[in-house]
Amino acid sequence: MTDPSVPPPTGKPTSYSRVTLSRIMTAVDVNLYGTVHGGVLMKFVDDVAGAAAARHFGGTAVTAAIDEIVFAEPVRVGDLVHAHAQVNWTGHTSMEVGVRVVAERWDSAEEAPIEVATAYLVFVGVDVSGNPRPVRPVLPETGEDKRRFREAEIRREHRLARRRAIQDHRGSHDSPVDDSPVAS
């Protein structure tokens, strides 16, 4: 519950939350096909997004959802991978973080980095007890930041509409519904 006597947090510009993490992919990161496992990249994406969310929030922020992740190109052992993240949108207690992952190929280091993945994640700012806390507003600075903010609102509307549609569908059945994603 939010204390009405506490003023809302002041906003921070989009650039305040920007974070880049980099790492060289090694043999322990590979899948059966000899490229970097998608799960390794997903953790890397979550790490950089969490850093951006925590920076913007000014405290602990936890992953609430991975809205979308797209793998555009395989990543290879030896590639230097950079994950860039920023807060695109903020609500009352949640925020969307956008992530762009690029790779510098180890065998063609003079070429421009290639985009290998993009993702959108939703984080919630929490207090020491793990309860949601108000998130300060993000203040888009550029036309690109404003575009990302508007598109984040569209993704949020779609998430909420999908959730309502599923709940409505489940409510129309007489039998109890198992909410787990996999049948046992």
N, C-alpha and C. Protein backbone atom coordinates (compact mmCIF):
# COMPACT_ATOMS: atom_id res chain seq x y z
N MET A 1 0.85 -1.18 0.00
CA MET A 1 0.00 0.00 0.00
C MET A 1 0.89 1.24 0.00
N THR A 2 0.56 2.19 -0.81
CA THR A 2 1.34 3.41 -0.93
C THR A 2 0.89 4.43 0.12
N ASP A 3 1.85 5.05 0.77
CA ASP A 3 1.56 6.07 1.78
C ASP A 3 1.25 7.38 1.06
N PRO A 4 0.01 7.91 1.18
CA PRO A 4 -0.36 9.13 0.46
C PRO A 4 0.41 10.37 0.93
N SER A 5 1.04 10.30 2.11
CA SER A 5 1.79 11.45 2.60
C SER A 5 3.19 11.54 1.97
N VAL A 6 3.61 10.45 1.29
CA VAL A 6 4.93 10.45 0.65
C VAL A 6 4.76 10.96 -0.77
N PRO A 7 5.51 12.02 -1.14
CA PRO A 7 5.37 12.55 -2.50
C PRO A 7 5.87 11.53 -3.53
N PRO A 8 5.30 11.55 -4.75
CA PRO A 8 5.76 10.61 -5.77
C PRO A 8 7.22 10.88 -6.12
N PRO A 9 7.95 9.83 -6.51
CA PRO A 9 9.36 10.04 -6.85
C PRO A 9 9.50 10.93 -8.08
N THR A 10 10.57 11.72 -8.13
CA THR A 10 10.81 12.59 -9.28
C THR A 10 11.35 11.75 -10.44
N GLY A 11 11.03 12.19 -11.65
CA GLY A 11 11.42 11.45 -12.84
C GLY A 11 12.90 11.51 -13.14
N LYS A 12 13.34 10.56 -13.96
CA LYS A 12 14.72 10.52 -14.43
C LYS A 12 14.69 10.39 -15.96
N PRO A 13 15.64 11.03 -16.64
CA PRO A 13 15.68 10.91 -18.10
C PRO A 13 16.04 9.49 -18.53
N THR A 14 15.63 9.14 -19.73
CA THR A 14 15.89 7.82 -20.28
C THR A 14 17.37 7.46 -20.19
N SER A 15 18.23 8.41 -20.49
CA SER A 15 19.67 8.13 -20.50
C SER A 15 20.21 7.70 -19.14
N TYR A 16 19.54 8.07 -18.06
CA TYR A 16 19.99 7.71 -16.72
C TYR A 16 20.04 6.20 -16.52
N SER A 17 19.12 5.47 -17.15
CA SER A 17 19.04 4.03 -16.93
C SER A 17 19.91 3.22 -17.88
N ARG A 18 20.49 3.83 -18.88
CA ARG A 18 21.22 3.06 -19.89
C ARG A 18 22.41 2.32 -19.30
N VAL A 19 22.49 1.03 -19.65
CA VAL A 19 23.55 0.16 -19.17
C VAL A 19 24.02 -0.72 -20.33
N THR A 20 25.32 -1.00 -20.37
CA THR A 20 25.87 -1.97 -21.32
C THR A 20 26.70 -2.98 -20.55
N LEU A 21 26.45 -4.25 -20.79
CA LEU A 21 27.28 -5.32 -20.27
C LEU A 21 27.91 -6.02 -21.46
N SER A 22 29.15 -6.47 -21.30
CA SER A 22 29.86 -7.15 -22.37
C SER A 22 30.52 -8.40 -21.83
N ARG A 23 30.60 -9.44 -22.69
CA ARG A 23 31.33 -10.65 -22.33
C ARG A 23 31.72 -11.42 -23.57
N ILE A 24 32.79 -12.17 -23.45
CA ILE A 24 33.23 -13.06 -24.52
C ILE A 24 32.58 -14.41 -24.28
N MET A 25 31.97 -14.96 -25.31
CA MET A 25 31.32 -16.26 -25.19
C MET A 25 32.37 -17.37 -25.28
N THR A 26 32.23 -18.36 -24.40
CA THR A 26 33.21 -19.44 -24.33
C THR A 26 32.58 -20.79 -24.61
N ALA A 27 33.40 -21.83 -24.61
CA ALA A 27 32.94 -23.19 -24.92
C ALA A 27 31.87 -23.68 -23.93
N VAL A 28 31.86 -23.16 -22.71
CA VAL A 28 30.84 -23.61 -21.75
C VAL A 28 29.45 -23.05 -22.09
N ASP A 29 29.38 -22.10 -23.02
CA ASP A 29 28.11 -21.46 -23.38
C ASP A 29 27.39 -22.13 -24.55
N VAL A 30 28.00 -23.17 -25.15
CA VAL A 30 27.45 -23.70 -26.40
C VAL A 30 26.35 -24.73 -26.20
N ASN A 31 25.53 -24.85 -27.24
CA ASN A 31 24.48 -25.86 -27.29
C ASN A 31 24.97 -27.03 -28.16
N LEU A 32 24.09 -27.96 -28.49
CA LEU A 32 24.47 -29.12 -29.29
C LEU A 32 24.84 -28.77 -30.73
N TYR A 33 24.47 -27.58 -31.17
CA TYR A 33 24.77 -27.15 -32.54
C TYR A 33 26.08 -26.38 -32.65
N GLY A 34 26.74 -26.17 -31.51
CA GLY A 34 28.02 -25.47 -31.53
C GLY A 34 27.92 -23.96 -31.48
N THR A 35 26.71 -23.44 -31.30
CA THR A 35 26.53 -22.00 -31.13
C THR A 35 26.13 -21.74 -29.68
N VAL A 36 26.11 -20.48 -29.29
CA VAL A 36 25.78 -20.14 -27.91
C VAL A 36 24.31 -20.46 -27.64
N HIS A 37 24.08 -21.12 -26.53
CA HIS A 37 22.75 -21.54 -26.11
C HIS A 37 21.85 -20.33 -25.89
N GLY A 38 20.61 -20.41 -26.35
CA GLY A 38 19.65 -19.32 -26.17
C GLY A 38 19.45 -18.96 -24.71
N GLY A 39 19.50 -19.95 -23.82
CA GLY A 39 19.32 -19.70 -22.41
C GLY A 39 20.44 -18.84 -21.82
N VAL A 40 21.66 -19.01 -22.35
CA VAL A 40 22.79 -18.18 -21.91
C VAL A 40 22.52 -16.73 -22.28
N LEU A 41 22.04 -16.53 -23.52
CA LEU A 41 21.71 -15.17 -23.96
C LEU A 41 20.54 -14.60 -23.17
N MET A 42 19.55 -15.44 -22.85
CA MET A 42 18.40 -14.97 -22.07
C MET A 42 18.85 -14.48 -20.68
N LYS A 43 19.75 -15.21 -20.05
CA LYS A 43 20.25 -14.78 -18.74
C LYS A 43 21.02 -13.47 -18.87
N PHE A 44 21.83 -13.36 -19.93
CA PHE A 44 22.59 -12.14 -20.17
C PHE A 44 21.64 -10.96 -20.36
N VAL A 45 20.57 -11.18 -21.12
CA VAL A 45 19.54 -10.15 -21.34
C VAL A 45 18.89 -9.77 -20.02
N ASP A 46 18.54 -10.75 -19.21
CA ASP A 46 17.90 -10.47 -17.92
C ASP A 46 18.85 -9.72 -16.99
N ASP A 47 20.14 -10.07 -17.03
CA ASP A 47 21.13 -9.38 -16.19
C ASP A 47 21.23 -7.89 -16.55
N VAL A 48 21.37 -7.59 -17.84
CA VAL A 48 21.53 -6.19 -18.24
C VAL A 48 20.23 -5.42 -18.02
N ALA A 49 19.10 -6.06 -18.28
CA ALA A 49 17.81 -5.39 -18.06
C ALA A 49 17.61 -5.12 -16.57
N GLY A 50 17.99 -6.06 -15.73
CA GLY A 50 17.89 -5.87 -14.28
C GLY A 50 18.76 -4.73 -13.79
N ALA A 51 19.94 -4.59 -14.37
CA ALA A 51 20.83 -3.49 -14.00
C ALA A 51 20.21 -2.14 -14.38
N ALA A 52 19.62 -2.07 -15.59
CA ALA A 52 18.98 -0.82 -16.03
C ALA A 52 17.77 -0.50 -15.14
N ALA A 53 16.97 -1.52 -14.83
CA ALA A 53 15.78 -1.31 -13.99
C ALA A 53 16.18 -0.85 -12.59
N ALA A 54 17.18 -1.49 -12.00
CA ALA A 54 17.62 -1.12 -10.66
C ALA A 54 18.19 0.30 -10.64
N ARG A 55 18.94 0.65 -11.69
CA ARG A 55 19.50 2.00 -11.77
C ARG A 55 18.38 3.03 -11.82
N HIS A 56 17.38 2.79 -12.68
CA HIS A 56 16.28 3.75 -12.79
C HIS A 56 15.48 3.81 -11.49
N PHE A 57 15.20 2.64 -10.92
CA PHE A 57 14.37 2.56 -9.73
C PHE A 57 15.09 3.10 -8.49
N GLY A 58 16.39 2.94 -8.47
CA GLY A 58 17.15 3.36 -7.30
C GLY A 58 17.10 2.34 -6.19
N GLY A 59 16.90 1.09 -6.57
CA GLY A 59 16.81 0.01 -5.59
C GLY A 59 16.52 -1.30 -6.30
N THR A 60 16.01 -2.25 -5.54
CA THR A 60 15.77 -3.58 -6.08
C THR A 60 14.56 -3.59 -7.02
N ALA A 61 14.78 -4.16 -8.20
CA ALA A 61 13.71 -4.37 -9.17
C ALA A 61 13.78 -5.82 -9.62
N VAL A 62 12.65 -6.48 -9.68
CA VAL A 62 12.62 -7.90 -10.03
C VAL A 62 11.92 -8.12 -11.37
N THR A 63 12.35 -9.16 -12.07
CA THR A 63 11.75 -9.49 -13.36
C THR A 63 10.33 -9.99 -13.14
N ALA A 64 9.37 -9.36 -13.79
CA ALA A 64 7.97 -9.80 -13.71
C ALA A 64 7.58 -10.59 -14.96
N ALA A 65 8.17 -10.23 -16.10
CA ALA A 65 7.83 -10.92 -17.35
C ALA A 65 8.88 -10.63 -18.41
N ILE A 66 9.06 -11.59 -19.28
CA ILE A 66 9.80 -11.35 -20.51
C ILE A 66 8.73 -11.25 -21.57
N ASP A 67 8.51 -10.04 -22.04
CA ASP A 67 7.42 -9.79 -22.97
C ASP A 67 7.74 -10.37 -24.35
N GLU A 68 8.99 -10.25 -24.76
CA GLU A 68 9.37 -10.73 -26.08
C GLU A 68 10.88 -10.85 -26.13
N ILE A 69 11.36 -11.91 -26.78
CA ILE A 69 12.78 -12.02 -27.08
C ILE A 69 12.89 -12.62 -28.47
N VAL A 70 13.71 -11.99 -29.29
CA VAL A 70 13.89 -12.43 -30.67
C VAL A 70 15.38 -12.69 -30.88
N PHE A 71 15.70 -13.90 -31.33
CA PHE A 71 17.08 -14.24 -31.68
C PHE A 71 17.22 -14.08 -33.19
N ALA A 72 18.02 -13.10 -33.61
CA ALA A 72 18.13 -12.78 -35.03
C ALA A 72 19.27 -13.52 -35.72
N GLU A 73 20.36 -13.73 -35.02
CA GLU A 73 21.56 -14.38 -35.57
C GLU A 73 22.19 -15.25 -34.50
N PRO A 74 22.80 -16.38 -34.90
CA PRO A 74 23.49 -17.18 -33.89
C PRO A 74 24.74 -16.47 -33.37
N VAL A 75 25.07 -16.76 -32.12
CA VAL A 75 26.28 -16.24 -31.49
C VAL A 75 27.25 -17.41 -31.39
N ARG A 76 28.52 -17.13 -31.66
CA ARG A 76 29.53 -18.19 -31.69
C ARG A 76 30.53 -18.04 -30.55
N VAL A 77 31.18 -19.14 -30.23
CA VAL A 77 32.25 -19.11 -29.24
C VAL A 77 33.31 -18.12 -29.72
N GLY A 78 33.77 -17.28 -28.82
CA GLY A 78 34.78 -16.29 -29.14
C GLY A 78 34.22 -14.93 -29.47
N ASP A 79 32.92 -14.85 -29.78
CA ASP A 79 32.31 -13.55 -30.08
C ASP A 79 32.29 -12.69 -28.83
N LEU A 80 32.58 -11.41 -29.01
CA LEU A 80 32.45 -10.43 -27.94
C LEU A 80 31.03 -9.86 -28.05
N VAL A 81 30.21 -10.13 -27.04
CA VAL A 81 28.79 -9.78 -27.08
C VAL A 81 28.53 -8.61 -26.13
N HIS A 82 27.80 -7.62 -26.64
CA HIS A 82 27.43 -6.44 -25.86
C HIS A 82 25.90 -6.40 -25.76
N ALA A 83 25.39 -6.26 -24.55
CA ALA A 83 23.95 -6.11 -24.33
C ALA A 83 23.70 -4.69 -23.82
N HIS A 84 22.88 -3.96 -24.56
CA HIS A 84 22.54 -2.56 -24.23
C HIS A 84 21.09 -2.53 -23.74
N ALA A 85 20.85 -1.86 -22.61
CA ALA A 85 19.49 -1.81 -22.05
C ALA A 85 19.16 -0.41 -21.59
N GLN A 86 17.86 -0.11 -21.61
CA GLN A 86 17.36 1.15 -21.05
C GLN A 86 15.89 0.97 -20.68
N VAL A 87 15.45 1.76 -19.71
CA VAL A 87 14.03 1.78 -19.36
C VAL A 87 13.30 2.57 -20.44
N ASN A 88 12.30 1.92 -21.05
CA ASN A 88 11.51 2.56 -22.11
C ASN A 88 10.25 3.22 -21.60
N TRP A 89 9.68 2.65 -20.53
CA TRP A 89 8.35 3.09 -20.07
C TRP A 89 8.26 2.77 -18.58
N THR A 90 7.49 3.59 -17.86
CA THR A 90 7.21 3.30 -16.46
C THR A 90 5.72 3.47 -16.20
N GLY A 91 5.22 2.63 -15.32
CA GLY A 91 3.86 2.75 -14.81
C GLY A 91 3.94 3.13 -13.35
N HIS A 92 3.00 2.64 -12.56
CA HIS A 92 2.99 2.97 -11.13
C HIS A 92 4.09 2.20 -10.38
N THR A 93 4.13 0.86 -10.55
CA THR A 93 5.15 0.05 -9.88
C THR A 93 5.97 -0.77 -10.86
N SER A 94 5.63 -0.70 -12.14
CA SER A 94 6.34 -1.52 -13.12
C SER A 94 7.02 -0.64 -14.17
N MET A 95 7.94 -1.27 -14.88
CA MET A 95 8.65 -0.56 -15.96
C MET A 95 9.02 -1.56 -17.03
N GLU A 96 9.08 -1.09 -18.28
CA GLU A 96 9.54 -1.92 -19.38
C GLU A 96 10.98 -1.55 -19.68
N VAL A 97 11.82 -2.56 -19.85
CA VAL A 97 13.21 -2.37 -20.23
C VAL A 97 13.42 -3.00 -21.60
N GLY A 98 13.98 -2.23 -22.52
CA GLY A 98 14.32 -2.73 -23.83
C GLY A 98 15.79 -3.12 -23.86
N VAL A 99 16.09 -4.22 -24.56
CA VAL A 99 17.47 -4.71 -24.65
C VAL A 99 17.81 -4.99 -26.10
N ARG A 100 18.99 -4.57 -26.49
CA ARG A 100 19.54 -4.86 -27.83
C ARG A 100 20.88 -5.54 -27.62
N VAL A 101 21.06 -6.72 -28.25
CA VAL A 101 22.29 -7.49 -28.10
C VAL A 101 23.01 -7.53 -29.44
N VAL A 102 24.29 -7.15 -29.44
CA VAL A 102 25.10 -7.18 -30.65
C VAL A 102 26.36 -8.01 -30.39
N ALA A 103 26.91 -8.55 -31.47
CA ALA A 103 28.12 -9.37 -31.34
C ALA A 103 29.20 -8.88 -32.29
N GLU A 104 30.41 -8.83 -31.77
CA GLU A 104 31.59 -8.61 -32.59
C GLU A 104 32.18 -9.99 -32.85
N ARG A 105 32.22 -10.39 -34.11
CA ARG A 105 32.73 -11.71 -34.45
C ARG A 105 34.23 -11.78 -34.20
N TRP A 106 34.66 -12.83 -33.54
CA TRP A 106 36.07 -12.97 -33.19
C TRP A 106 36.95 -13.06 -34.42
N ASP A 107 36.42 -13.60 -35.52
CA ASP A 107 37.23 -13.80 -36.72
C ASP A 107 37.11 -12.66 -37.73
N SER A 108 36.34 -11.64 -37.39
CA SER A 108 36.21 -10.47 -38.28
C SER A 108 35.99 -9.22 -37.42
N ALA A 109 36.93 -8.98 -36.52
CA ALA A 109 36.80 -7.92 -35.52
C ALA A 109 36.74 -6.52 -36.12
N GLU A 110 37.19 -6.35 -37.35
CA GLU A 110 37.16 -5.02 -37.95
C GLU A 110 35.79 -4.67 -38.53
N GLU A 111 34.91 -5.66 -38.67
CA GLU A 111 33.57 -5.40 -39.19
C GLU A 111 32.68 -4.84 -38.08
N ALA A 112 31.62 -4.18 -38.48
CA ALA A 112 30.68 -3.62 -37.50
C ALA A 112 29.98 -4.76 -36.75
N PRO A 113 29.67 -4.53 -35.48
CA PRO A 113 28.92 -5.54 -34.71
C PRO A 113 27.57 -5.83 -35.39
N ILE A 114 27.10 -7.07 -35.26
CA ILE A 114 25.81 -7.43 -35.84
C ILE A 114 24.79 -7.63 -34.71
N GLU A 115 23.55 -7.26 -34.99
CA GLU A 115 22.49 -7.43 -34.01
C GLU A 115 22.13 -8.91 -33.96
N VAL A 116 22.19 -9.48 -32.76
CA VAL A 116 21.90 -10.90 -32.60
C VAL A 116 20.60 -11.17 -31.84
N ALA A 117 20.12 -10.20 -31.05
CA ALA A 117 18.88 -10.41 -30.30
C ALA A 117 18.31 -9.08 -29.83
N THR A 118 17.01 -9.07 -29.63
CA THR A 118 16.32 -7.94 -29.00
C THR A 118 15.31 -8.52 -28.01
N ALA A 119 14.99 -7.73 -27.00
CA ALA A 119 14.04 -8.21 -25.99
C ALA A 119 13.38 -7.06 -25.27
N TYR A 120 12.20 -7.35 -24.72
CA TYR A 120 11.47 -6.42 -23.87
C TYR A 120 11.10 -7.18 -22.60
N LEU A 121 11.46 -6.62 -21.46
CA LEU A 121 11.19 -7.24 -20.18
C LEU A 121 10.43 -6.27 -19.29
N VAL A 122 9.62 -6.81 -18.39
CA VAL A 122 8.87 -6.00 -17.44
C VAL A 122 9.44 -6.27 -16.05
N PHE A 123 9.77 -5.19 -15.35
CA PHE A 123 10.30 -5.27 -13.99
C PHE A 123 9.37 -4.54 -13.04
N VAL A 124 9.38 -4.98 -11.79
CA VAL A 124 8.63 -4.31 -10.73
C VAL A 124 9.62 -3.89 -9.66
N GLY A 125 9.53 -2.63 -9.24
CA GLY A 125 10.35 -2.15 -8.14
C GLY A 125 9.76 -2.65 -6.83
N VAL A 126 10.63 -3.16 -5.93
CA VAL A 126 10.13 -3.72 -4.67
C VAL A 126 10.90 -3.13 -3.49
N ASP A 127 10.24 -3.17 -2.32
CA ASP A 127 10.89 -2.74 -1.08
C ASP A 127 11.61 -3.93 -0.45
N VAL A 128 12.18 -3.74 0.74
CA VAL A 128 12.96 -4.81 1.38
C VAL A 128 12.12 -6.03 1.72
N SER A 129 10.81 -5.87 1.82
CA SER A 129 9.92 -7.00 2.10
C SER A 129 9.43 -7.68 0.83
N GLY A 130 9.83 -7.14 -0.32
CA GLY A 130 9.40 -7.73 -1.59
C GLY A 130 8.07 -7.21 -2.09
N ASN A 131 7.54 -6.17 -1.46
CA ASN A 131 6.27 -5.59 -1.89
C ASN A 131 6.52 -4.52 -2.96
N PRO A 132 5.63 -4.43 -3.95
CA PRO A 132 5.79 -3.41 -5.00
C PRO A 132 5.83 -2.01 -4.41
N ARG A 133 6.68 -1.19 -5.01
CA ARG A 133 6.86 0.21 -4.59
C ARG A 133 6.72 1.10 -5.81
N PRO A 134 6.27 2.32 -5.65
CA PRO A 134 6.15 3.21 -6.81
C PRO A 134 7.50 3.42 -7.51
N VAL A 135 7.43 3.42 -8.83
CA VAL A 135 8.61 3.64 -9.68
C VAL A 135 8.58 5.08 -10.16
N ARG A 136 9.72 5.74 -10.12
CA ARG A 136 9.76 7.12 -10.62
C ARG A 136 9.51 7.12 -12.13
N PRO A 137 8.90 8.16 -12.65
CA PRO A 137 8.63 8.23 -14.09
C PRO A 137 9.92 8.29 -14.90
N VAL A 138 9.86 7.70 -16.09
CA VAL A 138 10.97 7.86 -17.03
C VAL A 138 10.61 9.05 -17.92
N LEU A 139 11.60 9.87 -18.23
CA LEU A 139 11.38 11.07 -19.04
C LEU A 139 12.08 10.90 -20.38
N PRO A 140 11.33 10.50 -21.42
CA PRO A 140 11.96 10.32 -22.74
C PRO A 140 12.61 11.62 -23.20
N GLU A 141 13.82 11.49 -23.75
CA GLU A 141 14.60 12.67 -24.14
C GLU A 141 14.60 12.93 -25.65
N THR A 142 14.62 11.87 -26.43
CA THR A 142 14.75 12.03 -27.88
C THR A 142 13.49 11.52 -28.57
N GLY A 143 13.41 11.78 -29.85
CA GLY A 143 12.29 11.23 -30.63
C GLY A 143 12.27 9.72 -30.58
N GLU A 144 13.44 9.10 -30.60
CA GLU A 144 13.54 7.63 -30.49
C GLU A 144 13.03 7.16 -29.13
N ASP A 145 13.39 7.86 -28.06
CA ASP A 145 12.90 7.51 -26.73
C ASP A 145 11.38 7.64 -26.64
N LYS A 146 10.83 8.67 -27.27
CA LYS A 146 9.37 8.86 -27.26
C LYS A 146 8.68 7.75 -28.04
N ARG A 147 9.27 7.32 -29.15
CA ARG A 147 8.72 6.21 -29.94
C ARG A 147 8.72 4.94 -29.09
N ARG A 148 9.83 4.66 -28.41
CA ARG A 148 9.92 3.47 -27.56
C ARG A 148 8.90 3.51 -26.44
N PHE A 149 8.68 4.69 -25.85
CA PHE A 149 7.70 4.84 -24.78
C PHE A 149 6.30 4.49 -25.30
N ARG A 150 5.93 5.05 -26.45
CA ARG A 150 4.59 4.78 -27.03
C ARG A 150 4.43 3.30 -27.37
N GLU A 151 5.47 2.69 -27.96
CA GLU A 151 5.39 1.27 -28.32
C GLU A 151 5.32 0.39 -27.07
N ALA A 152 5.98 0.79 -25.99
CA ALA A 152 5.89 0.06 -24.73
C ALA A 152 4.47 0.09 -24.18
N GLU A 153 3.80 1.23 -24.34
CA GLU A 153 2.39 1.32 -23.91
C GLU A 153 1.52 0.36 -24.72
N ILE A 154 1.80 0.22 -26.01
CA ILE A 154 1.04 -0.73 -26.86
C ILE A 154 1.28 -2.16 -26.38
N ARG A 155 2.55 -2.51 -26.11
CA ARG A 155 2.84 -3.86 -25.62
C ARG A 155 2.12 -4.11 -24.29
N ARG A 156 2.08 -3.11 -23.42
CA ARG A 156 1.39 -3.26 -22.13
C ARG A 156 -0.10 -3.50 -22.35
N GLU A 157 -0.71 -2.70 -23.23
CA GLU A 157 -2.14 -2.89 -23.53
C GLU A 157 -2.40 -4.30 -24.05
N HIS A 158 -1.51 -4.82 -24.90
CA HIS A 158 -1.68 -6.17 -25.44
C HIS A 158 -1.53 -7.23 -24.35
N ARG A 159 -0.55 -7.05 -23.43
CA ARG A 159 -0.39 -7.99 -22.32
C ARG A 159 -1.64 -8.04 -21.48
N LEU A 160 -2.18 -6.86 -21.14
CA LEU A 160 -3.37 -6.81 -20.29
C LEU A 160 -4.59 -7.38 -21.01
N ALA A 161 -4.75 -7.09 -22.30
CA ALA A 161 -5.87 -7.62 -23.07
C ALA A 161 -5.78 -9.15 -23.17
N ARG A 162 -4.56 -9.66 -23.40
CA ARG A 162 -4.38 -11.11 -23.48
C ARG A 162 -4.73 -11.76 -22.15
N ARG A 163 -4.28 -11.16 -21.04
CA ARG A 163 -4.58 -11.70 -19.72
C ARG A 163 -6.09 -11.72 -19.47
N ARG A 164 -6.77 -10.61 -19.82
CA ARG A 164 -8.23 -10.55 -19.64
C ARG A 164 -8.94 -11.60 -20.49
N ALA A 165 -8.51 -11.77 -21.74
CA ALA A 165 -9.14 -12.74 -22.64
C ALA A 165 -8.98 -14.16 -22.10
N ILE A 166 -7.80 -14.48 -21.58
CA ILE A 166 -7.57 -15.81 -21.02
C ILE A 166 -8.43 -16.01 -19.78
N GLN A 167 -8.48 -14.99 -18.90
CA GLN A 167 -9.30 -15.11 -17.69
C GLN A 167 -10.78 -15.25 -18.06
N ASP A 168 -11.24 -14.49 -19.06
CA ASP A 168 -12.63 -14.61 -19.50
C ASP A 168 -12.90 -16.01 -20.04
N HIS A 169 -11.97 -16.54 -20.81
CA HIS A 169 -12.14 -17.88 -21.37
C HIS A 169 -12.19 -18.92 -20.27
N ARG A 170 -11.31 -18.80 -19.30
CA ARG A 170 -11.29 -19.76 -18.19
C ARG A 170 -12.55 -19.64 -17.35
N GLY A 171 -13.06 -18.43 -17.23
CA GLY A 171 -14.28 -18.22 -16.46
C GLY A 171 -15.51 -18.82 -17.12
N SER A 172 -15.43 -19.08 -18.42
CA SER A 172 -16.58 -19.62 -19.14
C SER A 172 -16.68 -21.14 -19.05
N HIS A 173 -15.72 -21.79 -18.39
CA HIS A 173 -15.73 -23.24 -18.21
C HIS A 173 -16.14 -23.59 -16.79
N ASP A 174 -16.87 -24.71 -16.65
CA ASP A 174 -17.34 -25.12 -15.34
C ASP A 174 -16.28 -25.83 -14.52
N SER A 175 -15.33 -26.49 -15.18
CA SER A 175 -14.34 -27.28 -14.44
C SER A 175 -13.19 -26.40 -13.96
N PRO A 176 -12.52 -26.82 -12.86
CA PRO A 176 -11.36 -26.04 -12.38
C PRO A 176 -10.25 -26.05 -13.43
N VAL A 177 -9.46 -24.98 -13.45
CA VAL A 177 -8.41 -24.83 -14.45
C VAL A 177 -7.05 -24.87 -13.78
N ASP A 178 -6.15 -25.67 -14.36
CA ASP A 178 -4.77 -25.72 -13.89
C ASP A 178 -4.02 -24.58 -14.56
N ASP A 179 -3.46 -23.64 -13.78
CA ASP A 179 -2.76 -22.47 -14.32
C ASP A 179 -1.34 -22.77 -14.75
N SER A 180 -0.82 -23.98 -14.47
CA SER A 180 0.57 -24.26 -14.83
C SER A 180 0.71 -24.35 -16.34
N PRO A 181 1.87 -23.92 -16.87
CA PRO A 181 2.04 -23.91 -18.32
C PRO A 181 2.24 -25.29 -18.94
N VAL A 182 2.55 -26.32 -18.11
CA VAL A 182 2.79 -27.65 -18.63
C VAL A 182 1.89 -28.63 -17.90
N ALA A 183 1.30 -29.54 -18.65
CA ALA A 183 0.46 -30.57 -18.04
C ALA A 183 1.32 -31.54 -17.26
N SER A 184 0.79 -32.05 -16.15
CA SER A 184 1.59 -33.01 -15.37
C SER A 184 1.28 -34.43 -15.76
